[in-house]
Amino acid sequence: MKPSAAPDGQSRADRNCVCTTFAIVVVCAFSLMVLGYDDTWGIAGRPTWVTQARTYPLVNAGADAMVQLIERNEATRSDRNASIRTIER
């Protein structure tokens, strides 16, 4: 079955890919901005326009999830490297 095409010629899968990519870019940009504020002034130093934004809970949760994913990936990688070093000896 062929995916339905929108009037602009994009398929639904193409639009979903664009939306997902946009969401990832927004979360990454937010994470970088918050990292700067948090390093300088702490969490309390985040501007009101950021913390009062309607999308703040969603984007902040996405940033937290991304940090947890990176930490889990780093832990897995260091465990794997330790196992490889043990095998090599």
C-alpha atoms as a PDB file:
ATOM      1  CA  MET A   1       0.000   0.000   0.000  1.00  0.00           C
ATOM      2  CA  LYS A   2       1.312   3.406  -0.964  1.00  0.00           C
ATOM      3  CA  PRO A   3       1.545   6.110   1.768  1.00  0.00           C
ATOM      4  CA  SER A   4      -0.861   8.974   1.239  1.00  0.00           C
ATOM      5  CA  ALA A   5       0.756  12.073  -0.143  1.00  0.00           C
ATOM      6  CA  ALA A   6      -0.066  15.552   1.046  1.00  0.00           C
ATOM      7  CA  PRO A   7      -0.950  18.248  -1.475  1.00  0.00           C
ATOM      8  CA  ASP A   8       2.638  19.530  -1.246  1.00  0.00           C
ATOM      9  CA  GLY A   9       3.948  16.118  -2.370  1.00  0.00           C
ATOM     10  CA  GLN A  10       5.373  15.041   0.984  1.00  0.00           C
ATOM     11  CA  SER A  11       4.336  11.690   2.361  1.00  0.00           C
ATOM     12  CA  ARG A  12       3.172  11.297   5.939  1.00  0.00           C
ATOM     13  CA  ALA A  13       6.441   9.513   6.769  1.00  0.00           C
ATOM     14  CA  ASP A  14       8.444  12.471   5.406  1.00  0.00           C
ATOM     15  CA  ARG A  15       6.473  14.921   7.539  1.00  0.00           C
ATOM     16  CA  ASN A  16       6.926  12.733  10.625  1.00  0.00           C
ATOM     17  CA  CYS A  17      10.667  12.592  10.002  1.00  0.00           C
ATOM     18  CA  VAL A  18      10.822  16.386   9.685  1.00  0.00           C
ATOM     19  CA  CYS A  19       8.793  16.833  12.887  1.00  0.00           C
ATOM     20  CA  THR A  20      10.985  14.387  14.797  1.00  0.00           C
ATOM     21  CA  THR A  21      14.159  16.079  13.573  1.00  0.00           C
ATOM     22  CA  PHE A  22      12.760  19.492  14.540  1.00  0.00           C
ATOM     23  CA  ALA A  23      11.880  18.208  18.035  1.00  0.00           C
ATOM     24  CA  ILE A  24      15.408  16.843  18.507  1.00  0.00           C
ATOM     25  CA  VAL A  25      16.941  20.144  17.384  1.00  0.00           C
ATOM     26  CA  VAL A  26      14.691  22.091  19.776  1.00  0.00           C
ATOM     27  CA  VAL A  27      15.604  19.833  22.718  1.00  0.00           C
ATOM     28  CA  CYS A  28      19.333  20.118  21.897  1.00  0.00           C
ATOM     29  CA  ALA A  29      19.158  23.910  21.598  1.00  0.00           C
ATOM     30  CA  PHE A  30      17.203  24.150  24.855  1.00  0.00           C
ATOM     31  CA  SER A  31      19.732  21.882  26.580  1.00  0.00           C
ATOM     32  CA  LEU A  32      22.636  24.066  25.481  1.00  0.00           C
ATOM     33  CA  MET A  33      20.875  27.254  26.575  1.00  0.00           C
ATOM     34  CA  VAL A  34      19.930  25.797  29.961  1.00  0.00           C
ATOM     35  CA  LEU A  35      23.443  24.424  30.433  1.00  0.00           C
ATOM     36  CA  GLY A  36      24.787  27.963  30.119  1.00  0.00           C
ATOM     37  CA  TYR A  37      22.262  29.411  32.552  1.00  0.00           C
ATOM     38  CA  ASP A  38      22.616  26.551  35.038  1.00  0.00           C
ATOM     39  CA  ASP A  39      26.422  26.687  35.014  1.00  0.00           C
ATOM     40  CA  THR A  40      26.406  30.430  35.600  1.00  0.00           C
ATOM     41  CA  TRP A  41      23.429  31.082  37.895  1.00  0.00           C
ATOM     42  CA  GLY A  42      22.024  27.657  38.811  1.00  0.00           C
ATOM     43  CA  ILE A  43      18.491  26.453  38.116  1.00  0.00           C
ATOM     44  CA  ALA A  44      17.023  29.475  39.889  1.00  0.00           C
ATOM     45  CA  GLY A  45      18.782  31.681  37.343  1.00  0.00           C
ATOM     46  CA  ARG A  46      16.682  30.477  34.409  1.00  0.00           C
ATOM     47  CA  PRO A  47      14.782  33.425  32.912  1.00  0.00           C
ATOM     48  CA  THR A  48      11.054  33.739  33.572  1.00  0.00           C
ATOM     49  CA  TRP A  49      10.270  33.669  29.854  1.00  0.00           C
ATOM     50  CA  VAL A  50      11.796  30.181  29.750  1.00  0.00           C
ATOM     51  CA  THR A  51      10.236  28.723  32.889  1.00  0.00           C
ATOM     52  CA  GLN A  52       6.792  30.204  32.197  1.00  0.00           C
ATOM     53  CA  ALA A  53       6.639  29.042  28.569  1.00  0.00           C
ATOM     54  CA  ARG A  54       3.790  26.641  27.801  1.00  0.00           C
ATOM     55  CA  THR A  55       6.205  24.213  26.162  1.00  0.00           C
ATOM     56  CA  TYR A  56       8.718  24.314  29.049  1.00  0.00           C
ATOM     57  CA  PRO A  57       7.528  21.100  30.759  1.00  0.00           C
ATOM     58  CA  LEU A  58       7.689  19.140  27.501  1.00  0.00           C
ATOM     59  CA  VAL A  59      11.060  20.448  26.337  1.00  0.00           C
ATOM     60  CA  ASN A  60      12.559  20.214  29.829  1.00  0.00           C
ATOM     61  CA  ALA A  61      11.403  16.586  30.119  1.00  0.00           C
ATOM     62  CA  GLY A  62      12.936  15.888  26.693  1.00  0.00           C
ATOM     63  CA  ALA A  63      16.221  17.437  27.786  1.00  0.00           C
ATOM     64  CA  ASP A  64      16.215  15.390  31.004  1.00  0.00           C
ATOM     65  CA  ALA A  65      15.512  12.208  29.047  1.00  0.00           C
ATOM     66  CA  MET A  66      18.348  13.003  26.650  1.00  0.00           C
ATOM     67  CA  VAL A  67      20.765  13.521  29.568  1.00  0.00           C
ATOM     68  CA  GLN A  68      19.718  10.186  31.104  1.00  0.00           C
ATOM     69  CA  LEU A  69      20.160   8.460  27.753  1.00  0.00           C
ATOM     70  CA  ILE A  70      23.661   9.907  27.372  1.00  0.00           C
ATOM     71  CA  GLU A  71      24.606   8.907  30.929  1.00  0.00           C
ATOM     72  CA  ARG A  72      23.306   5.364  30.383  1.00  0.00           C
ATOM     73  CA  ASN A  73      25.207   5.146  27.089  1.00  0.00           C
ATOM     74  CA  GLU A  74      28.421   6.329  28.766  1.00  0.00           C
ATOM     75  CA  ALA A  75      28.020   3.789  31.574  1.00  0.00           C
ATOM     76  CA  THR A  76      27.450   0.980  29.074  1.00  0.00           C
ATOM     77  CA  ARG A  77      30.453   2.073  27.030  1.00  0.00           C
ATOM     78  CA  SER A  78      32.763   2.221  30.052  1.00  0.00           C
ATOM     79  CA  ASP A  79      31.553  -1.239  31.211  1.00  0.00           C
ATOM     80  CA  ARG A  80      32.196  -2.626  27.741  1.00  0.00           C
ATOM     81  CA  ASN A  81      35.668  -1.053  27.625  1.00  0.00           C
ATOM     82  CA  ALA A  82      36.504  -2.495  31.046  1.00  0.00           C
ATOM     83  CA  SER A  83      35.421  -5.948  29.854  1.00  0.00           C
ATOM     84  CA  ILE A  84      37.567  -5.646  26.737  1.00  0.00           C
ATOM     85  CA  ARG A  85      40.621  -4.594  28.803  1.00  0.00           C
ATOM     86  CA  THR A  86      40.097  -7.579  31.101  1.00  0.00           C
ATOM     87  CA  ILE A  87      39.888  -9.976  28.139  1.00  0.00           C
ATOM     88  CA  GLU A  88      43.003  -8.505  26.516  1.00  0.00           C
ATOM     89  CA  ARG A  89      45.138  -9.096  29.633  1.00  0.00           C
END
